[in-house]
Protein backbone atom coordinates (compact mmCIF):
# COMPACT_ATOMS: atom_id res chain seq x y z
CA MET A 1 -0.85 12.19 -23.68
CA LEU A 2 -0.97 10.73 -20.16
CA GLU A 3 -3.32 13.44 -18.95
CA GLU A 4 -5.64 12.70 -21.85
CA ALA A 5 -5.57 8.99 -21.06
CA LEU A 6 -6.44 9.63 -17.41
CA GLN A 7 -9.56 11.68 -18.07
CA GLY A 8 -12.48 10.10 -16.23
CA VAL A 9 -10.28 7.43 -14.62
CA ASP A 10 -10.76 6.56 -10.93
CA LEU A 11 -7.29 5.22 -10.28
CA VAL A 12 -4.11 4.58 -12.25
CA VAL A 13 -1.70 1.73 -11.43
CA HIS A 14 1.83 2.50 -12.61
CA ALA A 15 3.57 -0.83 -13.33
CA ALA A 16 5.87 0.23 -16.18
CA GLY A 17 9.20 -0.85 -14.69
CA PRO A 18 12.08 -1.05 -14.29
CA PHE A 19 11.94 2.07 -12.10
CA GLN A 20 15.71 2.16 -11.58
CA ARG A 21 17.49 5.16 -13.18
CA GLU A 22 14.18 6.87 -14.03
CA GLN A 23 14.49 10.62 -13.47
CA LYS A 24 10.85 11.69 -13.81
CA CYS A 25 7.57 10.70 -12.19
CA ALA A 26 5.51 11.36 -15.31
CA VAL A 27 2.55 9.13 -14.42
CA LEU A 28 2.27 10.55 -10.90
CA GLU A 29 2.48 14.12 -12.23
CA ALA A 30 -0.29 13.37 -14.74
CA ALA A 31 -2.40 11.80 -11.98
CA ILE A 32 -2.03 14.90 -9.82
CA SER A 33 -2.85 17.15 -12.76
CA THR A 34 -6.03 15.20 -13.55
CA LYS A 35 -6.93 14.55 -9.88
CA THR A 36 -6.66 10.78 -10.40
CA ALA A 37 -5.86 8.43 -7.51
CA TYR A 38 -2.49 6.71 -8.00
CA ILE A 39 -0.46 3.69 -6.91
CA ASP A 40 2.79 2.32 -8.30
CA VAL A 41 4.75 -0.91 -7.92
CA CYS A 42 8.08 0.89 -7.71
CA ASP A 43 10.95 -1.14 -6.25
CA ASP A 44 13.65 1.54 -6.38
CA THR A 45 14.65 3.70 -3.41
CA ASP A 46 15.53 6.86 -5.35
CA TYR A 47 12.36 6.76 -7.43
CA SER A 48 10.13 6.20 -4.39
CA TRP A 49 11.55 9.24 -2.62
CA ARG A 50 11.33 11.25 -5.83
CA ALA A 51 7.63 10.36 -5.87
CA LYS A 52 7.38 11.31 -2.20
CA GLY A 53 8.64 14.75 -3.23
CA PHE A 54 5.24 15.36 -4.88
CA HIS A 55 3.44 14.93 -1.55
CA GLU A 56 2.40 18.55 -1.08
CA GLN A 57 1.22 18.85 -4.68
CA ALA A 58 -0.90 15.71 -4.37
CA LYS A 59 -2.25 16.87 -1.02
CA ALA A 60 -3.23 20.26 -2.44
CA ALA A 61 -4.95 18.58 -5.39
CA GLY A 62 -6.80 16.14 -3.12
CA VAL A 63 -5.15 13.14 -4.79
CA PRO A 64 -4.48 9.97 -2.73
CA ALA A 65 -1.29 8.25 -3.89
CA ILE A 66 0.82 5.33 -2.67
CA THR A 67 4.32 4.52 -3.90
CA THR A 68 5.91 1.02 -3.60
CA ALA A 69 2.46 -0.64 -3.47
CA GLY A 70 3.28 -4.11 -4.78
CA ILE A 71 4.14 -7.34 -3.01
CA TYR A 72 7.71 -6.50 -1.91
CA PRO A 73 7.93 -3.68 -1.30
CA GLY A 74 4.27 -3.13 -0.52
CA VAL A 75 2.64 -6.01 1.35
CA SER A 76 5.94 -6.50 3.19
CA ASN A 77 5.80 -2.87 4.42
CA VAL A 78 2.30 -3.37 5.83
CA MET A 79 3.41 -6.61 7.50
CA ALA A 80 6.31 -4.73 9.12
CA ALA A 81 4.04 -1.90 10.25
CA GLU A 82 1.68 -4.36 11.93
CA LEU A 83 4.54 -6.18 13.68
CA VAL A 84 5.84 -2.86 15.01
CA ARG A 85 2.38 -1.70 16.10
CA ALA A 86 1.74 -4.96 17.95
CA ALA A 87 5.14 -4.76 19.66
CA ARG A 88 4.63 -1.17 20.82
CA SER A 89 1.28 -2.11 22.34
CA GLU A 90 3.41 -3.73 25.05
CA SER A 91 4.58 -0.99 27.39
CA ASP A 92 8.08 -2.40 27.89
CA CYS A 93 8.72 -3.36 24.27
CA GLU A 94 10.50 -1.02 21.86
CA PRO A 95 11.37 -2.34 18.37
CA GLU A 96 15.12 -2.43 17.77
CA ARG A 97 15.80 -4.49 14.64
CA LEU A 98 13.66 -5.04 11.54
CA ARG A 99 14.81 -7.36 8.78
CA PHE A 100 13.15 -8.12 5.44
CA PHE A 101 13.96 -11.45 3.77
CA TYR A 102 12.69 -12.36 0.29
CA TYR A 103 12.90 -15.46 -1.85
CA THR A 104 11.65 -15.92 -5.41
CA ALA A 105 12.26 -19.01 -7.53
CA GLY A 106 13.78 -18.06 -10.88
CA SER A 107 12.32 -14.83 -12.25
CA GLY A 108 8.98 -15.54 -10.58
CA GLY A 109 7.33 -15.57 -13.97
CA ALA A 110 8.00 -11.82 -14.38
CA GLY A 111 10.64 -12.39 -17.05
CA PRO A 112 12.78 -9.56 -18.46
CA THR A 113 11.41 -6.82 -16.17
CA ILE A 114 12.50 -8.45 -12.93
CA LEU A 115 15.80 -9.48 -14.51
CA ALA A 116 16.53 -5.90 -15.53
CA THR A 117 15.53 -4.66 -12.08
CA SER A 118 17.82 -7.17 -10.37
CA PHE A 119 20.82 -6.31 -12.55
CA LEU A 120 20.28 -2.56 -12.10
CA LEU A 121 20.12 -3.03 -8.33
CA LEU A 122 23.55 -4.65 -8.48
CA GLY A 123 24.88 -1.24 -9.52
CA GLU A 124 23.62 0.42 -6.33
CA ASP A 125 25.27 0.50 -2.92
CA VAL A 126 23.06 -1.16 -0.34
CA VAL A 127 21.67 1.33 2.18
CA ALA A 128 20.91 -0.16 5.59
CA TYR A 129 20.58 1.24 9.10
CA ASN A 130 22.39 0.15 12.23
CA LYS A 131 21.65 1.23 15.77
CA GLY A 132 24.31 3.41 17.38
CA THR A 133 24.44 4.75 20.91
CA SER A 134 25.35 8.33 21.83
CA VAL A 135 25.94 9.49 25.40
CA PHE A 136 25.31 13.13 26.34
CA PHE A 137 26.24 14.85 29.61
CA ILE A 138 23.53 17.18 30.90
CA SER A 139 24.66 19.80 33.44
CA THR A 140 22.76 20.26 36.69
CA PRO A 141 22.76 23.21 39.09
CA THR A 142 25.58 21.69 41.11
CA VAL A 143 28.87 20.96 39.42
CA GLU A 144 29.29 17.70 41.34
CA LYS A 145 26.14 16.22 39.88
CA ARG A 146 25.54 15.38 36.26
CA SER A 147 22.85 13.35 34.56
CA TYR A 148 23.30 11.22 31.46
CA ALA A 149 21.07 10.78 28.44
CA ILE A 150 21.64 7.73 26.26
CA ILE A 151 20.17 8.18 22.80
CA LYS A 152 19.73 5.19 20.52
CA SER A 153 19.53 6.10 16.87
CA GLY A 154 19.98 4.46 13.50
CA GLU A 155 23.08 5.24 11.51
CA GLU A 156 22.94 4.91 7.71
CA ILE A 157 25.53 2.50 6.41
CA LYS A 158 26.43 1.50 2.86
CA LEU A 159 27.26 -2.07 1.96
CA LYS A 160 28.22 -4.04 -1.14
CA PRO A 161 25.28 -5.39 -3.19
CA TYR A 162 24.65 -9.13 -3.04
CA SER A 163 26.92 -9.56 -0.03
CA GLY A 164 26.21 -10.49 3.59
CA VAL A 165 24.67 -13.88 2.85
CA LEU A 166 22.37 -15.41 5.48
CA ASN A 167 20.64 -18.79 5.47
CA ILE A 168 17.00 -18.08 6.34
CA ASP A 169 14.16 -20.51 7.04
CA PHE A 170 11.03 -19.47 5.10
CA GLY A 171 8.92 -22.22 6.64
CA LYS A 172 6.91 -24.97 5.00
CA GLY A 173 7.04 -25.17 1.22
CA VAL A 174 10.34 -23.30 0.97
CA ARG A 175 12.49 -23.96 4.04
CA LYS A 176 16.06 -22.67 4.24
CA LYS A 177 17.41 -20.44 1.47
CA ASN A 178 20.42 -18.16 1.11
CA VAL A 179 19.57 -14.47 0.88
CA TYR A 180 21.81 -11.50 0.05
CA LEU A 181 21.80 -7.76 0.69
CA LEU A 182 20.06 -5.55 -1.90
CA ASN A 183 19.19 -1.85 -1.94
CA LEU A 184 15.42 -2.00 -1.51
CA PRO A 185 13.16 1.00 -0.75
CA GLU A 186 11.32 -0.49 2.22
CA VAL A 187 14.52 -0.25 4.27
CA LYS A 188 14.63 3.55 4.17
CA SER A 189 10.88 4.06 4.38
CA ALA A 190 10.51 1.68 7.33
CA PHE A 191 13.41 3.38 9.11
CA LYS A 192 11.94 6.84 8.55
CA VAL A 193 8.28 5.98 9.12
CA LEU A 194 8.36 3.22 11.75
CA GLY A 195 11.35 4.56 13.68
CA VAL A 196 13.17 1.23 14.02
CA PRO A 197 16.92 1.96 14.39
CA THR A 198 18.27 -1.16 12.66
CA VAL A 199 16.77 -2.13 9.28
CA SER A 200 18.00 -4.21 6.32
CA ALA A 201 16.68 -6.26 3.39
CA ARG A 202 17.96 -9.40 1.70
CA PHE A 203 16.89 -11.37 -1.36
CA GLY A 204 17.67 -14.79 -2.79
CA THR A 205 16.60 -16.87 -5.76
CA ALA A 206 16.72 -20.41 -7.13
CA PRO A 207 18.33 -22.44 -8.54
CA PHE A 208 21.24 -21.71 -6.21
CA PHE A 209 23.64 -21.02 -9.08
CA TRP A 210 21.61 -17.94 -10.08
CA ASN A 211 22.83 -16.44 -6.80
CA TRP A 212 26.40 -17.20 -7.81
CA GLY A 213 25.75 -15.46 -11.11
CA MET A 214 24.37 -12.39 -9.33
CA GLN A 215 27.43 -12.29 -7.09
CA ALA A 216 29.71 -12.56 -10.13
CA PHE A 217 27.90 -9.68 -11.89
CA ALA A 218 28.14 -7.54 -8.74
CA ASN A 219 31.84 -8.31 -8.26
CA PHE A 220 33.18 -8.25 -11.82
CA LEU A 221 30.96 -6.07 -14.02
CA PRO A 222 31.83 -2.35 -13.92
CA VAL A 223 29.39 -0.24 -11.89
CA GLU A 224 28.98 2.04 -14.91
CA PHE A 225 27.72 -0.95 -16.92
CA LEU A 226 25.21 -1.98 -14.23
CA ARG A 227 23.88 1.58 -14.05
CA ASP A 228 23.33 1.86 -17.80
CA LYS A 229 19.76 0.80 -18.64
CA ASN A 230 20.54 0.25 -22.32
CA LYS A 231 23.49 -2.05 -21.59
CA VAL A 232 21.52 -3.92 -18.95
CA LYS A 233 18.66 -4.35 -21.41
CA LYS A 234 21.04 -6.03 -23.88
CA LEU A 235 22.39 -8.27 -21.11
CA VAL A 236 18.84 -9.27 -20.19
CA GLU A 237 18.03 -10.09 -23.82
CA SER A 238 21.03 -12.42 -23.96
CA VAL A 239 20.21 -14.39 -20.79
CA ASP A 240 16.40 -14.31 -20.91
CA PRO A 241 15.99 -17.48 -23.07
CA LEU A 242 18.06 -19.49 -20.57
CA VAL A 243 16.13 -17.99 -17.64
CA ARG A 244 12.83 -19.01 -19.25
CA VAL A 245 14.00 -22.60 -19.57
CA ILE A 246 15.21 -22.75 -15.97
CA ASP A 247 11.99 -21.08 -14.77
CA GLY A 248 10.08 -24.06 -16.13
CA ILE A 249 12.04 -26.26 -13.75
CA ALA A 250 12.42 -23.95 -10.75
CA GLY A 251 8.82 -22.70 -10.71
CA GLU A 252 7.92 -19.24 -9.44
CA ARG A 253 7.31 -19.67 -5.72
CA VAL A 254 7.66 -16.47 -3.67
CA SER A 255 8.15 -16.02 0.06
CA ILE A 256 8.40 -13.00 2.35
CA ARG A 257 9.70 -13.17 5.89
CA VAL A 258 9.74 -10.09 8.12
CA ASP A 259 11.56 -10.36 11.46
CA LEU A 260 11.21 -7.88 14.32
CA GLU A 261 13.33 -7.91 17.47
CA CYS A 262 12.57 -5.74 20.50
CA SER A 263 14.45 -4.31 23.45
CA ASN A 264 12.86 -6.75 25.93
CA GLY A 265 13.95 -9.79 23.93
CA ARG A 266 10.56 -10.19 22.23
CA SER A 267 10.98 -11.52 18.68
CA THR A 268 8.14 -11.91 16.17
CA VAL A 269 7.83 -12.96 12.54
CA GLY A 270 5.49 -12.38 9.63
CA LEU A 271 5.54 -14.94 6.82
CA PHE A 272 3.90 -14.91 3.39
CA THR A 273 4.38 -17.71 0.82
CA HIS A 274 2.64 -18.27 -2.52
CA LYS A 275 3.27 -20.81 -5.29
CA LYS A 276 3.23 -18.18 -8.05
CA LEU A 277 4.69 -14.69 -7.84
CA SER A 278 2.84 -13.60 -10.99
CA VAL A 279 -0.51 -14.43 -9.36
CA SER A 280 0.38 -13.20 -5.90
CA VAL A 281 1.61 -9.79 -7.03
CA GLY A 282 -1.72 -9.35 -8.84
CA TYR A 283 -3.61 -9.93 -5.58
CA ALA A 284 -1.25 -7.54 -3.79
CA ILE A 285 -1.75 -4.69 -6.27
CA ALA A 286 -5.53 -5.27 -6.32
CA ALA A 287 -5.57 -5.10 -2.50
CA PHE A 288 -3.87 -1.70 -2.56
CA ALA A 289 -6.12 -0.46 -5.37
CA LEU A 290 -9.25 -1.43 -3.41
CA ALA A 291 -7.92 0.20 -0.24
CA VAL A 292 -7.41 3.49 -2.07
CA LEU A 293 -10.78 3.34 -3.85
CA GLU A 294 -12.53 2.55 -0.57
CA GLY A 295 -11.22 5.79 0.94
CA ASN A 296 -8.49 4.43 3.21
CA THR A 297 -5.79 6.72 1.78
CA GLN A 298 -5.55 10.42 2.55
CA PRO A 299 -4.56 13.00 -0.10
CA GLY A 300 -0.78 13.11 -0.55
CA VAL A 301 1.96 10.65 -1.53
CA TRP A 302 2.49 7.92 1.05
CA PHE A 303 4.46 4.75 1.69
CA PRO A 304 2.36 1.65 2.52
CA GLU A 305 3.45 1.61 6.18
CA GLU A 306 2.26 5.18 6.79
CA PRO A 307 -1.17 5.25 8.49
CA GLU A 308 -2.23 8.01 6.09
CA GLY A 309 -1.38 5.66 3.19
CA ILE A 310 -3.20 2.59 4.47
CA ALA A 311 -5.30 3.39 7.52
CA ILE A 312 -4.41 1.20 10.51
CA GLU A 313 -7.94 -0.19 10.69
CA ALA A 314 -7.71 -1.18 6.99
CA ARG A 315 -4.43 -3.10 7.22
CA ASN A 316 -5.88 -6.47 8.20
CA LEU A 317 -8.32 -6.41 5.28
CA LEU A 318 -5.51 -5.48 2.88
CA LEU A 319 -3.38 -8.37 4.13
CA GLU A 320 -6.36 -10.73 3.93
CA ARG A 321 -6.97 -9.76 0.31
CA ALA A 322 -3.29 -9.85 -0.64
CA SER A 323 -2.75 -13.28 0.94
CA GLN A 324 -5.39 -15.07 -1.14
CA GLY A 325 -4.03 -18.36 -2.40
CA THR A 326 -1.01 -18.36 -0.09
CA THR A 327 0.30 -21.68 1.11
CA ASN A 328 1.56 -20.10 4.33
CA PHE A 329 0.57 -16.79 5.87
CA VAL A 330 1.22 -15.98 9.53
CA MET A 331 1.65 -12.78 11.53
CA ASN A 332 3.05 -11.97 14.98
CA LYS A 333 4.37 -15.45 15.68
CA PRO A 334 7.62 -16.43 17.43
CA SER A 335 10.28 -17.44 14.93
CA TRP A 336 10.45 -21.02 16.22
CA MET A 337 6.80 -21.54 15.24
CA VAL A 338 7.68 -20.62 11.65
CA GLU A 339 10.93 -22.51 11.39
CA THR A 340 9.74 -25.85 12.74
CA ASP A 341 6.57 -27.91 12.97
CA PRO A 342 6.19 -27.83 16.76
CA LYS A 343 4.29 -30.54 18.62
CA GLU A 344 2.96 -30.05 22.12
CA VAL A 345 4.14 -32.74 24.49
CA GLY A 346 2.11 -31.39 27.40
CA LEU A 347 1.92 -28.51 29.86
CA GLY A 348 2.53 -25.99 27.09
CA ILE A 349 5.89 -27.54 26.19
CA TYR A 350 6.67 -27.82 22.49
CA VAL A 351 9.36 -29.84 20.68
């Protein structure tokens, strides 16, 4: 049925979430079969790598495909890739820590889908990466002399969902919000693709008591319950009316902050804030769709941060399109320029 629907189609956008617990990539398989370009707005780690498993088939069929091509993950991945690229352009700067921070007021206008996604994510261990150091002894021709090689690599660690709270400043229009660890796909893809040894992602919402509720679900509901899509669906149906009421008060503002720290002490930030998630995610998906249709994606299945997914020279245009209507969009700035409203008092000194 999908193959029939895709006949004569230029590109298919797969937005039928939640993607959590899905075992098949039916839309992607149909796209490959019909030689239809493909993007999805997947926000699940397992599903994104399952899609990546079709890379060789898509490449052989000449089909360009991008997984996790939404706002976060998606635009956030491209922001991270550009921060890393800019950092590595400095000869003495090697990226060491990449952190994704997200804030969305209420359900962001997405309603039951984002609620179900959030609850299902509470049933997953959080995968993050932390830099470790290994020391190897390398023998030399003389026994008395040895040389040492210090290898810095990222070690996969698993953490409790909705733990590790941090208070993060999202800049004007949002300011400081609490954010919590979640198992999001851009962590693994950024680690694998961009080669940054320490990577994590955190998310927070408003009103503040929704965060307490998420913590309570993560701590007290059985994991088996949170991994059962049918049970989660019933839970969503019971709380959705209340969420809709609160959404009317909280609004649906969304903010992305991507922080990159380097070995030489260089620290840069990318920030993206929009008043309405429902509008902003539309711009984000359209930006990816245009990039693919304009020939910026090679055949195969790619993550947004891969240069074969979104060509490096096409990234700025994608970010320009995706950031339409934002109240705050900055890239490659020091964190203090995002967190405060600096004023120059003279001689390049800011307060």
